[in-house]
Amino acid sequence: MYARGEGIVLNEPSVIALNSRSGEVLAMGHEAWQMIGRTPSYIVAVRPLRKGAITDFETTQRMIRLLLQRVGVSRLNRPRVVICVPSAITAVERRAVTEAAKRAGAADARLIEQPVAAAIGADMPINEPIGNMVVDIGGGTTETALISLGGVVALEAVRVGSFDIDNAIQGYVRREYGIAVGERTAEEIKIILGSAAPTEDEVSAEVRGRELMSGLPKRVVLTPEEVRNAIEEPVTAMVDSVLSCLAQAPPELAQDLIVQGIHLVGGGGLLRGMDLRLNEESDVAVRRVRAPLEAVVLGAGKVIEHYESVQAMFMDGNAGGRRR
């Protein structure tokens, strides 16, 4: 979360822990993330946002209210809110997001596309007549946008992201070794061993999980090559979406990309070798931005700081289509 005049004031994963018997919120953010896979059956740690969309409206509303409270918002202090959303979001999903924010305490809620916010946060010259391409690999979506003169010229969005890589790792370990590993363990495997292309200094690592046949704890050793093969399907879907967006680029803007390159943002952009893989398949230089995890919120922050002058960049939260 970014507050006007203050910068980033909160940085937490979008996870909330609930007591399913009483409906009480027990924890949120990092504290709730630590609970995933480690709680009694009546305590549920959930992500109310999946694939870039709201899967549980009431829980999302409660989470937004808690987030606003943490940064000092009260009934007497109702702020205007800018929310970054995937470009692929539908009109119904847009309405759900704005409605959840307003019910949670926002006086007004405006939406901006994540790739546009990421490009602003990465200090790309998006208001100039130059082709700027940004690839935003988030938890549930991968979005590639070609931006020029403040607008999206070409866009390709797929609902495949880092969580799909985690799921692919869980499926591989279960299928090949007969071992069940949790969501958090799969993410750790991705961070330590995951890669989109062969890289230097690769090392194997021990993984612990529960053997499905016996139910007993068991250890196995995974290699980076194994994990790379396990996650090939979601990684290929991400790469193909980037190539598809490049194919939509008008010739003049395509020329600019040879100089400007492709800018990689989002947590999924930190996957080792992703920049090498995209460069190899597109023959265009790929650069990770300075703060890939924070690029979107920093871009939204710049929009908040110049709220009155950037109205044209907001999406319409109530109807289909973008407003430019």
C-alpha atoms as a PDB file:
ATOM      1  CA  MET A   1       0.000   0.000   0.000  1.00  0.00           C
ATOM      2  CA  TYR A   2       1.181   3.489  -0.924  1.00  0.00           C
ATOM      3  CA  ALA A   3      -0.013   6.637   0.850  1.00  0.00           C
ATOM      4  CA  ARG A   4       0.133  10.049  -0.777  1.00  0.00           C
ATOM      5  CA  GLY A   5       3.154  11.987   0.435  1.00  0.00           C
ATOM      6  CA  GLU A   6       4.485   9.033   2.476  1.00  0.00           C
ATOM      7  CA  GLY A   7       5.442   6.307  -0.006  1.00  0.00           C
ATOM      8  CA  ILE A   8       4.975   2.573   0.638  1.00  0.00           C
ATOM      9  CA  VAL A   9       3.396   2.221   4.083  1.00  0.00           C
ATOM     10  CA  LEU A  10       2.476  -1.484   4.038  1.00  0.00           C
ATOM     11  CA  ASN A  11       3.932  -4.515   2.256  1.00  0.00           C
ATOM     12  CA  GLU A  12       2.128  -7.777   3.069  1.00  0.00           C
ATOM     13  CA  PRO A  13       1.018 -10.883   1.129  1.00  0.00           C
ATOM     14  CA  SER A  14      -2.723 -10.943   0.357  1.00  0.00           C
ATOM     15  CA  VAL A  15      -3.511 -13.812   2.756  1.00  0.00           C
ATOM     16  CA  ILE A  16      -6.022 -13.782   5.589  1.00  0.00           C
ATOM     17  CA  ALA A  17      -6.538 -16.398   8.351  1.00  0.00           C
ATOM     18  CA  LEU A  18     -10.076 -17.006   9.581  1.00  0.00           C
ATOM     19  CA  ASN A  19     -11.725 -19.064  12.309  1.00  0.00           C
ATOM     20  CA  SER A  20     -14.294 -20.943  10.219  1.00  0.00           C
ATOM     21  CA  ARG A  21     -16.468 -21.581  13.309  1.00  0.00           C
ATOM     22  CA  SER A  22     -16.789 -17.994  14.500  1.00  0.00           C
ATOM     23  CA  GLY A  23     -15.862 -16.103  11.321  1.00  0.00           C
ATOM     24  CA  GLU A  24     -13.260 -14.148  13.325  1.00  0.00           C
ATOM     25  CA  VAL A  25     -10.201 -12.822  11.502  1.00  0.00           C
ATOM     26  CA  LEU A  26      -7.149 -14.215  13.290  1.00  0.00           C
ATOM     27  CA  ALA A  27      -4.305 -12.864  11.190  1.00  0.00           C
ATOM     28  CA  MET A  28      -3.455 -11.175   7.924  1.00  0.00           C
ATOM     29  CA  GLY A  29      -0.433 -10.759   5.685  1.00  0.00           C
ATOM     30  CA  HIS A  30       2.891 -12.326   6.707  1.00  0.00           C
ATOM     31  CA  GLU A  31       1.417 -13.712   9.934  1.00  0.00           C
ATOM     32  CA  ALA A  32      -1.383 -15.473   8.007  1.00  0.00           C
ATOM     33  CA  TRP A  33       1.092 -16.704   5.358  1.00  0.00           C
ATOM     34  CA  GLN A  34       3.070 -18.468   8.097  1.00  0.00           C
ATOM     35  CA  MET A  35      -0.123 -20.340   9.056  1.00  0.00           C
ATOM     36  CA  ILE A  36      -0.750 -21.919   5.628  1.00  0.00           C
ATOM     37  CA  GLY A  37      -0.684 -25.711   6.030  1.00  0.00           C
ATOM     38  CA  ARG A  38       0.052 -25.459   9.768  1.00  0.00           C
ATOM     39  CA  THR A  39      -3.351 -24.808  11.360  1.00  0.00           C
ATOM     40  CA  PRO A  40      -6.134 -26.882  12.953  1.00  0.00           C
ATOM     41  CA  SER A  41      -8.985 -27.723  10.586  1.00  0.00           C
ATOM     42  CA  TYR A  42     -11.200 -24.880  11.846  1.00  0.00           C
ATOM     43  CA  ILE A  43      -8.553 -22.216  11.117  1.00  0.00           C
ATOM     44  CA  VAL A  44      -8.373 -21.491   7.403  1.00  0.00           C
ATOM     45  CA  ALA A  45      -5.660 -19.404   5.758  1.00  0.00           C
ATOM     46  CA  VAL A  46      -6.984 -18.235   2.384  1.00  0.00           C
ATOM     47  CA  ARG A  47      -6.149 -15.963  -0.523  1.00  0.00           C
ATOM     48  CA  PRO A  48      -9.417 -14.176  -1.358  1.00  0.00           C
ATOM     49  CA  LEU A  49      -7.914 -13.097  -4.701  1.00  0.00           C
ATOM     50  CA  ARG A  50      -7.037 -15.790  -7.254  1.00  0.00           C
ATOM     51  CA  LYS A  51      -6.084 -15.475 -10.922  1.00  0.00           C
ATOM     52  CA  GLY A  52      -6.373 -11.708 -10.516  1.00  0.00           C
ATOM     53  CA  ALA A  53     -10.050 -11.919  -9.538  1.00  0.00           C
ATOM     54  CA  ILE A  54     -12.053 -11.926  -6.306  1.00  0.00           C
ATOM     55  CA  THR A  55     -12.978 -15.482  -5.308  1.00  0.00           C
ATOM     56  CA  ASP A  56     -14.565 -14.526  -1.972  1.00  0.00           C
ATOM     57  CA  PHE A  57     -16.201 -11.092  -1.970  1.00  0.00           C
ATOM     58  CA  GLU A  58     -16.907 -10.876   1.766  1.00  0.00           C
ATOM     59  CA  THR A  59     -13.392 -11.965   2.778  1.00  0.00           C
ATOM     60  CA  THR A  60     -11.825  -9.566   0.260  1.00  0.00           C
ATOM     61  CA  GLN A  61     -13.899  -6.725   1.696  1.00  0.00           C
ATOM     62  CA  ARG A  62     -12.778  -7.586   5.233  1.00  0.00           C
ATOM     63  CA  MET A  63      -9.150  -7.794   4.133  1.00  0.00           C
ATOM     64  CA  ILE A  64      -9.293  -4.387   2.402  1.00  0.00           C
ATOM     65  CA  ARG A  65     -10.918  -2.890   5.512  1.00  0.00           C
ATOM     66  CA  LEU A  66      -8.138  -4.330   7.705  1.00  0.00           C
ATOM     67  CA  LEU A  67      -5.474  -3.022   5.327  1.00  0.00           C
ATOM     68  CA  LEU A  68      -7.001   0.461   5.401  1.00  0.00           C
ATOM     69  CA  GLN A  69      -7.232   0.357   9.204  1.00  0.00           C
ATOM     70  CA  ARG A  70      -3.549  -0.590   9.454  1.00  0.00           C
ATOM     71  CA  VAL A  71      -2.575   2.585   7.637  1.00  0.00           C
ATOM     72  CA  GLY A  72      -4.800   4.807   9.767  1.00  0.00           C
ATOM     73  CA  VAL A  73      -8.046   4.982   7.786  1.00  0.00           C
ATOM     74  CA  SER A  74     -11.204   5.332   9.911  1.00  0.00           C
ATOM     75  CA  ARG A  75     -14.881   6.151   9.438  1.00  0.00           C
ATOM     76  CA  LEU A  76     -13.989   9.806   9.796  1.00  0.00           C
ATOM     77  CA  ASN A  77     -11.162   9.567   7.281  1.00  0.00           C
ATOM     78  CA  ARG A  78     -12.402   8.004   4.043  1.00  0.00           C
ATOM     79  CA  PRO A  79      -9.697   8.170   1.364  1.00  0.00           C
ATOM     80  CA  ARG A  80      -9.799   8.042  -2.412  1.00  0.00           C
ATOM     81  CA  VAL A  81      -8.225   4.759  -3.447  1.00  0.00           C
ATOM     82  CA  VAL A  82      -6.434   3.638  -6.614  1.00  0.00           C
ATOM     83  CA  ILE A  83      -6.353  -0.131  -7.118  1.00  0.00           C
ATOM     84  CA  CYS A  84      -4.128  -1.948  -9.612  1.00  0.00           C
ATOM     85  CA  VAL A  85      -5.937  -4.766 -11.424  1.00  0.00           C
ATOM     86  CA  PRO A  86      -5.078  -7.193 -14.248  1.00  0.00           C
ATOM     87  CA  SER A  87      -5.828  -5.995 -17.780  1.00  0.00           C
ATOM     88  CA  ALA A  88      -7.788  -9.207 -18.396  1.00  0.00           C
ATOM     89  CA  ILE A  89     -10.313  -8.386 -15.657  1.00  0.00           C
ATOM     90  CA  THR A  90     -13.961  -8.458 -16.779  1.00  0.00           C
ATOM     91  CA  ALA A  91     -16.561  -5.719 -16.254  1.00  0.00           C
ATOM     92  CA  VAL A  92     -18.209  -7.807 -13.506  1.00  0.00           C
ATOM     93  CA  GLU A  93     -14.851  -8.287 -11.766  1.00  0.00           C
ATOM     94  CA  ARG A  94     -14.119  -4.550 -12.043  1.00  0.00           C
ATOM     95  CA  ARG A  95     -17.409  -3.734 -10.336  1.00  0.00           C
ATOM     96  CA  ALA A  96     -16.657  -6.298  -7.601  1.00  0.00           C
ATOM     97  CA  VAL A  97     -13.269  -4.712  -6.860  1.00  0.00           C
ATOM     98  CA  THR A  98     -14.577  -1.133  -6.690  1.00  0.00           C
ATOM     99  CA  GLU A  99     -17.596  -2.208  -4.624  1.00  0.00           C
ATOM    100  CA  ALA A 100     -15.393  -4.141  -2.152  1.00  0.00           C
ATOM    101  CA  ALA A 101     -13.140  -1.098  -1.677  1.00  0.00           C
ATOM    102  CA  LYS A 102     -16.062   1.291  -1.145  1.00  0.00           C
ATOM    103  CA  ARG A 103     -17.756  -1.017   1.361  1.00  0.00           C
ATOM    104  CA  ALA A 104     -14.433  -1.371   3.170  1.00  0.00           C
ATOM    105  CA  GLY A 105     -14.262   2.402   3.766  1.00  0.00           C
ATOM    106  CA  ALA A 106     -12.978   4.084   0.595  1.00  0.00           C
ATOM    107  CA  ALA A 107     -14.745   7.289  -0.447  1.00  0.00           C
ATOM    108  CA  ASP A 108     -13.957   6.535  -4.090  1.00  0.00           C
ATOM    109  CA  ALA A 109     -12.138   3.697  -5.856  1.00  0.00           C
ATOM    110  CA  ARG A 110     -10.496   3.982  -9.266  1.00  0.00           C
ATOM    111  CA  LEU A 111      -8.790   1.208 -11.196  1.00  0.00           C
ATOM    112  CA  ILE A 112      -5.581   1.214 -13.206  1.00  0.00           C
ATOM    113  CA  GLU A 113      -4.141  -1.642 -15.235  1.00  0.00           C
ATOM    114  CA  GLN A 114      -1.155  -3.352 -13.629  1.00  0.00           C
ATOM    115  CA  PRO A 115       1.138  -3.183 -16.702  1.00  0.00           C
ATOM    116  CA  VAL A 116       0.525   0.574 -17.013  1.00  0.00           C
ATOM    117  CA  ALA A 117       1.218   1.089 -13.300  1.00  0.00           C
ATOM    118  CA  ALA A 118       4.347  -1.091 -13.572  1.00  0.00           C
ATOM    119  CA  ALA A 119       5.641   0.933 -16.529  1.00  0.00           C
ATOM    120  CA  ILE A 120       5.102   4.171 -14.587  1.00  0.00           C
ATOM    121  CA  GLY A 121       6.808   2.683 -11.526  1.00  0.00           C
ATOM    122  CA  ALA A 122       9.781   1.591 -13.647  1.00  0.00           C
ATOM    123  CA  ASP A 123      10.210   5.173 -14.938  1.00  0.00           C
ATOM    124  CA  MET A 124       9.530   4.177 -18.543  1.00  0.00           C
ATOM    125  CA  PRO A 125       8.758   7.114 -20.905  1.00  0.00           C
ATOM    126  CA  ILE A 126       5.208   5.935 -21.576  1.00  0.00           C
ATOM    127  CA  ASN A 127       3.861   9.404 -22.501  1.00  0.00           C
ATOM    128  CA  GLU A 128       6.288   9.750 -25.393  1.00  0.00           C
ATOM    129  CA  PRO A 129       5.666   8.374 -28.930  1.00  0.00           C
ATOM    130  CA  ILE A 130       8.030   5.472 -28.206  1.00  0.00           C
ATOM    131  CA  GLY A 131       7.252   1.777 -27.877  1.00  0.00           C
ATOM    132  CA  ASN A 132       7.618   0.605 -24.253  1.00  0.00           C
ATOM    133  CA  MET A 133       6.972  -3.068 -23.497  1.00  0.00           C
ATOM    134  CA  VAL A 134       6.435  -4.320 -19.961  1.00  0.00           C
ATOM    135  CA  VAL A 135       5.931  -7.945 -18.890  1.00  0.00           C
ATOM    136  CA  ASP A 136       4.273  -8.249 -15.471  1.00  0.00           C
ATOM    137  CA  ILE A 137       4.351 -11.794 -14.052  1.00  0.00           C
ATOM    138  CA  GLY A 138       2.218 -11.842 -10.927  1.00  0.00           C
ATOM    139  CA  GLY A 139       0.813 -14.591  -8.737  1.00  0.00           C
ATOM    140  CA  GLY A 140      -2.211 -15.352 -10.892  1.00  0.00           C
ATOM    141  CA  THR A 141      -1.667 -13.571 -14.217  1.00  0.00           C
ATOM    142  CA  THR A 142       1.012 -12.746 -16.764  1.00  0.00           C
ATOM    143  CA  GLU A 143       0.421  -9.530 -18.687  1.00  0.00           C
ATOM    144  CA  THR A 144       2.420  -8.090 -21.537  1.00  0.00           C
ATOM    145  CA  ALA A 145       1.611  -4.573 -22.695  1.00  0.00           C
ATOM    146  CA  LEU A 146       3.060  -2.358 -25.404  1.00  0.00           C
ATOM    147  CA  ILE A 147       2.539   1.238 -24.302  1.00  0.00           C
ATOM    148  CA  SER A 148       2.973   4.472 -26.235  1.00  0.00           C
ATOM    149  CA  LEU A 149       1.650   8.008 -25.679  1.00  0.00           C
ATOM    150  CA  GLY A 150       0.116   6.990 -22.340  1.00  0.00           C
ATOM    151  CA  GLY A 151      -2.054   4.220 -23.799  1.00  0.00           C
ATOM    152  CA  VAL A 152      -1.918   0.466 -24.376  1.00  0.00           C
ATOM    153  CA  VAL A 153      -1.265  -0.252 -28.071  1.00  0.00           C
ATOM    154  CA  ALA A 154      -1.042  -4.051 -27.807  1.00  0.00           C
ATOM    155  CA  LEU A 155      -1.902  -6.333 -24.918  1.00  0.00           C
ATOM    156  CA  GLU A 156      -1.700 -10.023 -24.172  1.00  0.00           C
ATOM    157  CA  ALA A 157      -2.858 -11.367 -20.810  1.00  0.00           C
ATOM    158  CA  VAL A 158      -3.082 -14.966 -19.608  1.00  0.00           C
ATOM    159  CA  ARG A 159      -4.301 -16.228 -16.246  1.00  0.00           C
ATOM    160  CA  VAL A 160      -1.069 -18.083 -15.590  1.00  0.00           C
ATOM    161  CA  GLY A 161       1.374 -16.885 -12.954  1.00  0.00           C
ATOM    162  CA  SER A 162       3.679 -17.795 -10.098  1.00  0.00           C
ATOM    163  CA  PHE A 163       1.006 -19.791  -8.257  1.00  0.00           C
ATOM    164  CA  ASP A 164       0.732 -22.072 -11.311  1.00  0.00           C
ATOM    165  CA  ILE A 165       4.488 -22.693 -11.071  1.00  0.00           C
ATOM    166  CA  ASP A 166       4.011 -23.651  -7.400  1.00  0.00           C
ATOM    167  CA  ASN A 167       1.151 -26.004  -8.359  1.00  0.00           C
ATOM    168  CA  ALA A 168       3.275 -27.606 -11.091  1.00  0.00           C
ATOM    169  CA  ILE A 169       6.043 -28.303  -8.555  1.00  0.00           C
ATOM    170  CA  GLN A 170       3.548 -29.830  -6.105  1.00  0.00           C
ATOM    171  CA  GLY A 171       2.126 -32.019  -8.889  1.00  0.00           C
ATOM    172  CA  TYR A 172       5.573 -33.178 -10.034  1.00  0.00           C
ATOM    173  CA  VAL A 173       6.777 -34.168  -6.548  1.00  0.00           C
ATOM    174  CA  ARG A 174       3.501 -36.000  -5.905  1.00  0.00           C
ATOM    175  CA  ARG A 175       3.586 -37.786  -9.290  1.00  0.00           C
ATOM    176  CA  GLU A 176       7.285 -38.715  -9.428  1.00  0.00           C
ATOM    177  CA  TYR A 177       8.078 -39.353  -5.768  1.00  0.00           C
ATOM    178  CA  GLY A 178       4.682 -40.057  -4.194  1.00  0.00           C
ATOM    179  CA  ILE A 179       5.225 -37.204  -1.749  1.00  0.00           C
ATOM    180  CA  ALA A 180       2.818 -34.421  -0.813  1.00  0.00           C
ATOM    181  CA  VAL A 181       4.375 -31.012  -0.202  1.00  0.00           C
ATOM    182  CA  GLY A 182       2.530 -27.900   0.906  1.00  0.00           C
ATOM    183  CA  GLU A 183       2.040 -24.579  -0.838  1.00  0.00           C
ATOM    184  CA  ARG A 184       4.788 -22.856   1.136  1.00  0.00           C
ATOM    185  CA  THR A 185       7.289 -25.673   0.488  1.00  0.00           C
ATOM    186  CA  ALA A 186       6.531 -25.542  -3.246  1.00  0.00           C
ATOM    187  CA  GLU A 187       7.253 -21.807  -3.229  1.00  0.00           C
ATOM    188  CA  GLU A 188      10.554 -22.397  -1.437  1.00  0.00           C
ATOM    189  CA  ILE A 189      11.516 -25.015  -4.056  1.00  0.00           C
ATOM    190  CA  LYS A 190      10.687 -22.489  -6.788  1.00  0.00           C
ATOM    191  CA  ILE A 191      12.866 -19.809  -5.196  1.00  0.00           C
ATOM    192  CA  ILE A 192      15.830 -22.110  -4.508  1.00  0.00           C
ATOM    193  CA  LEU A 193      15.746 -24.452  -7.531  1.00  0.00           C
ATOM    194  CA  GLY A 194      13.321 -22.945 -10.054  1.00  0.00           C
ATOM    195  CA  SER A 195      14.544 -21.593 -13.386  1.00  0.00           C
ATOM    196  CA  ALA A 196      13.179 -20.912 -16.871  1.00  0.00           C
ATOM    197  CA  ALA A 197      16.543 -21.634 -18.537  1.00  0.00           C
ATOM    198  CA  PRO A 198      19.853 -23.238 -17.489  1.00  0.00           C
ATOM    199  CA  THR A 199      21.897 -20.858 -15.335  1.00  0.00           C
ATOM    200  CA  GLU A 200      25.286 -20.900 -13.620  1.00  0.00           C
ATOM    201  CA  ASP A 201      25.900 -22.178 -10.079  1.00  0.00           C
ATOM    202  CA  GLU A 202      22.955 -24.603 -10.048  1.00  0.00           C
ATOM    203  CA  VAL A 203      22.744 -26.825  -6.951  1.00  0.00           C
ATOM    204  CA  SER A 204      20.447 -29.642  -5.841  1.00  0.00           C
ATOM    205  CA  ALA A 205      18.409 -29.396  -2.636  1.00  0.00           C
ATOM    206  CA  GLU A 206      16.713 -31.696  -0.165  1.00  0.00           C
ATOM    207  CA  VAL A 207      12.924 -31.523   0.025  1.00  0.00           C
ATOM    208  CA  ARG A 208      10.830 -32.877   2.894  1.00  0.00           C
ATOM    209  CA  GLY A 209       7.216 -33.938   2.614  1.00  0.00           C
ATOM    210  CA  ARG A 210       4.648 -36.607   3.540  1.00  0.00           C
ATOM    211  CA  GLU A 211       4.752 -39.915   1.686  1.00  0.00           C
ATOM    212  CA  LEU A 212       1.289 -40.640   0.306  1.00  0.00           C
ATOM    213  CA  MET A 213       1.450 -44.440   0.721  1.00  0.00           C
ATOM    214  CA  SER A 214       2.705 -44.616   4.307  1.00  0.00           C
ATOM    215  CA  GLY A 215       1.743 -41.160   5.574  1.00  0.00           C
ATOM    216  CA  LEU A 216       5.229 -40.840   7.073  1.00  0.00           C
ATOM    217  CA  PRO A 217       7.653 -37.939   6.595  1.00  0.00           C
ATOM    218  CA  LYS A 218      10.160 -38.527   3.775  1.00  0.00           C
ATOM    219  CA  ARG A 219      13.080 -36.688   2.150  1.00  0.00           C
ATOM    220  CA  VAL A 220      14.048 -36.526  -1.511  1.00  0.00           C
ATOM    221  CA  VAL A 221      16.714 -34.589  -3.407  1.00  0.00           C
ATOM    222  CA  LEU A 222      15.553 -32.466  -6.354  1.00  0.00           C
ATOM    223  CA  THR A 223      17.787 -31.061  -9.094  1.00  0.00           C
ATOM    224  CA  PRO A 224      17.300 -27.713 -10.880  1.00  0.00           C
ATOM    225  CA  GLU A 225      16.841 -29.569 -14.182  1.00  0.00           C
ATOM    226  CA  GLU A 226      13.997 -31.622 -12.698  1.00  0.00           C
ATOM    227  CA  VAL A 227      12.239 -28.514 -11.431  1.00  0.00           C
ATOM    228  CA  ARG A 228      12.814 -26.728 -14.758  1.00  0.00           C
ATOM    229  CA  ASN A 229      11.103 -29.609 -16.583  1.00  0.00           C
ATOM    230  CA  ALA A 230       8.303 -29.696 -13.996  1.00  0.00           C
ATOM    231  CA  ILE A 231       7.417 -26.028 -14.536  1.00  0.00           C
ATOM    232  CA  GLU A 232       7.901 -25.989 -18.303  1.00  0.00           C
ATOM    233  CA  GLU A 233       4.173 -25.818 -19.097  1.00  0.00           C
ATOM    234  CA  PRO A 234       3.331 -22.613 -17.157  1.00  0.00           C
ATOM    235  CA  VAL A 235       6.650 -21.003 -18.168  1.00  0.00           C
ATOM    236  CA  THR A 236       5.967 -21.758 -21.848  1.00  0.00           C
ATOM    237  CA  ALA A 237       2.477 -20.225 -21.524  1.00  0.00           C
ATOM    238  CA  MET A 238       4.064 -17.045 -20.117  1.00  0.00           C
ATOM    239  CA  VAL A 239       6.703 -16.857 -22.854  1.00  0.00           C
ATOM    240  CA  ASP A 240       4.144 -17.522 -25.600  1.00  0.00           C
ATOM    241  CA  SER A 241       1.957 -14.657 -24.331  1.00  0.00           C
ATOM    242  CA  VAL A 242       4.941 -12.275 -24.607  1.00  0.00           C
ATOM    243  CA  LEU A 243       5.680 -13.452 -28.158  1.00  0.00           C
ATOM    244  CA  SER A 244       2.000 -13.020 -29.059  1.00  0.00           C
ATOM    245  CA  CYS A 245       2.057  -9.408 -27.841  1.00  0.00           C
ATOM    246  CA  LEU A 246       5.252  -8.736 -29.804  1.00  0.00           C
ATOM    247  CA  ALA A 247       3.535 -10.054 -32.937  1.00  0.00           C
ATOM    248  CA  GLN A 248       0.755  -7.448 -32.467  1.00  0.00           C
ATOM    249  CA  ALA A 249       3.177  -4.513 -32.353  1.00  0.00           C
ATOM    250  CA  PRO A 250       2.936  -1.976 -35.207  1.00  0.00           C
ATOM    251  CA  PRO A 251       6.188  -1.934 -37.254  1.00  0.00           C
ATOM    252  CA  GLU A 252       7.301   1.522 -36.048  1.00  0.00           C
ATOM    253  CA  LEU A 253       6.924   0.596 -32.383  1.00  0.00           C
ATOM    254  CA  ALA A 254       8.487  -2.826 -32.952  1.00  0.00           C
ATOM    255  CA  GLN A 255      11.622  -1.032 -34.121  1.00  0.00           C
ATOM    256  CA  ASP A 256      11.742   0.921 -30.848  1.00  0.00           C
ATOM    257  CA  LEU A 257      11.851  -2.313 -28.853  1.00  0.00           C
ATOM    258  CA  ILE A 258      15.202  -3.229 -30.398  1.00  0.00           C
ATOM    259  CA  VAL A 259      16.606  -0.178 -28.570  1.00  0.00           C
ATOM    260  CA  GLN A 260      14.262  -0.001 -25.556  1.00  0.00           C
ATOM    261  CA  GLY A 261      14.094  -3.737 -24.888  1.00  0.00           C
ATOM    262  CA  ILE A 262      11.468  -5.565 -22.826  1.00  0.00           C
ATOM    263  CA  HIS A 263      11.099  -4.668 -19.128  1.00  0.00           C
ATOM    264  CA  LEU A 264      10.369  -7.516 -16.721  1.00  0.00           C
ATOM    265  CA  VAL A 265       8.449  -6.833 -13.480  1.00  0.00           C
ATOM    266  CA  GLY A 266       6.514  -8.778 -10.859  1.00  0.00           C
ATOM    267  CA  GLY A 267       7.515 -11.581  -8.503  1.00  0.00           C
ATOM    268  CA  GLY A 268       7.461 -14.146 -11.320  1.00  0.00           C
ATOM    269  CA  GLY A 269       9.992 -12.020 -13.166  1.00  0.00           C
ATOM    270  CA  LEU A 270      12.492 -12.960 -10.447  1.00  0.00           C
ATOM    271  CA  LEU A 271      12.452 -16.611 -11.586  1.00  0.00           C
ATOM    272  CA  ARG A 272      16.044 -17.397 -12.516  1.00  0.00           C
ATOM    273  CA  GLY A 273      16.664 -17.496 -16.260  1.00  0.00           C
ATOM    274  CA  MET A 274      13.324 -15.912 -17.211  1.00  0.00           C
ATOM    275  CA  ASP A 275      15.104 -12.933 -18.769  1.00  0.00           C
ATOM    276  CA  LEU A 276      17.452 -15.288 -20.664  1.00  0.00           C
ATOM    277  CA  ARG A 277      14.542 -17.411 -21.903  1.00  0.00           C
ATOM    278  CA  LEU A 278      12.573 -14.401 -23.159  1.00  0.00           C
ATOM    279  CA  ASN A 279      15.668 -12.943 -24.816  1.00  0.00           C
ATOM    280  CA  GLU A 280      16.446 -16.254 -26.510  1.00  0.00           C
ATOM    281  CA  GLU A 281      12.924 -16.735 -27.877  1.00  0.00           C
ATOM    282  CA  SER A 282      12.160 -13.129 -28.845  1.00  0.00           C
ATOM    283  CA  ASP A 283      15.636 -11.947 -29.908  1.00  0.00           C
ATOM    284  CA  VAL A 284      14.912  -8.719 -27.997  1.00  0.00           C
ATOM    285  CA  ALA A 285      16.935  -7.517 -24.998  1.00  0.00           C
ATOM    286  CA  VAL A 286      15.157  -8.196 -21.690  1.00  0.00           C
ATOM    287  CA  ARG A 287      15.825  -6.111 -18.578  1.00  0.00           C
ATOM    288  CA  ARG A 288      14.622  -6.626 -15.029  1.00  0.00           C
ATOM    289  CA  VAL A 289      13.561  -3.307 -13.548  1.00  0.00           C
ATOM    290  CA  ARG A 290      15.236  -1.993 -10.402  1.00  0.00           C
ATOM    291  CA  ALA A 291      12.434  -2.995  -7.975  1.00  0.00           C
ATOM    292  CA  PRO A 292      10.376  -5.685  -9.775  1.00  0.00           C
ATOM    293  CA  LEU A 293       8.202  -6.547  -6.761  1.00  0.00           C
ATOM    294  CA  GLU A 294       7.349  -2.915  -5.987  1.00  0.00           C
ATOM    295  CA  ALA A 295       7.111  -1.507  -9.538  1.00  0.00           C
ATOM    296  CA  VAL A 296       3.294  -1.734  -9.694  1.00  0.00           C
ATOM    297  CA  VAL A 297       2.650  -0.074  -6.324  1.00  0.00           C
ATOM    298  CA  LEU A 298       5.291   2.604  -6.989  1.00  0.00           C
ATOM    299  CA  GLY A 299       3.554   3.363 -10.295  1.00  0.00           C
ATOM    300  CA  ALA A 300       0.189   3.567  -8.546  1.00  0.00           C
ATOM    301  CA  GLY A 301       1.846   5.874  -6.017  1.00  0.00           C
ATOM    302  CA  LYS A 302       2.948   8.246  -8.778  1.00  0.00           C
ATOM    303  CA  VAL A 303      -0.619   8.218 -10.077  1.00  0.00           C
ATOM    304  CA  ILE A 304      -1.894   9.112  -6.591  1.00  0.00           C
ATOM    305  CA  GLU A 305       0.628  11.960  -6.295  1.00  0.00           C
ATOM    306  CA  HIS A 306      -0.653  13.406  -9.610  1.00  0.00           C
ATOM    307  CA  TYR A 307      -4.250  12.182  -9.249  1.00  0.00           C
ATOM    308  CA  GLU A 308      -5.983  15.129 -10.928  1.00  0.00           C
ATOM    309  CA  SER A 309      -3.781  15.104 -14.044  1.00  0.00           C
ATOM    310  CA  VAL A 310      -3.917  11.367 -14.873  1.00  0.00           C
ATOM    311  CA  GLN A 311      -7.666  10.760 -15.045  1.00  0.00           C
ATOM    312  CA  ALA A 312      -7.370   9.398 -18.601  1.00  0.00           C
ATOM    313  CA  MET A 313      -5.305   6.434 -17.384  1.00  0.00           C
ATOM    314  CA  PHE A 314      -8.041   5.014 -15.158  1.00  0.00           C
ATOM    315  CA  MET A 315     -10.193   2.081 -16.227  1.00  0.00           C
ATOM    316  CA  ASP A 316     -13.955   2.396 -16.009  1.00  0.00           C
ATOM    317  CA  GLY A 317     -14.988   0.455 -12.937  1.00  0.00           C
ATOM    318  CA  ASN A 318     -18.641   0.201 -13.945  1.00  0.00           C
ATOM    319  CA  ALA A 319     -18.663  -0.725 -17.624  1.00  0.00           C
ATOM    320  CA  GLY A 320     -16.727  -2.637 -20.217  1.00  0.00           C
ATOM    321  CA  GLY A 321     -13.697  -1.258 -22.017  1.00  0.00           C
ATOM    322  CA  ARG A 322     -10.881   1.018 -21.032  1.00  0.00           C
ATOM    323  CA  ARG A 323     -11.177   4.743 -20.652  1.00  0.00           C
ATOM    324  CA  ARG A 324      -8.325   6.636 -22.251  1.00  0.00           C
END
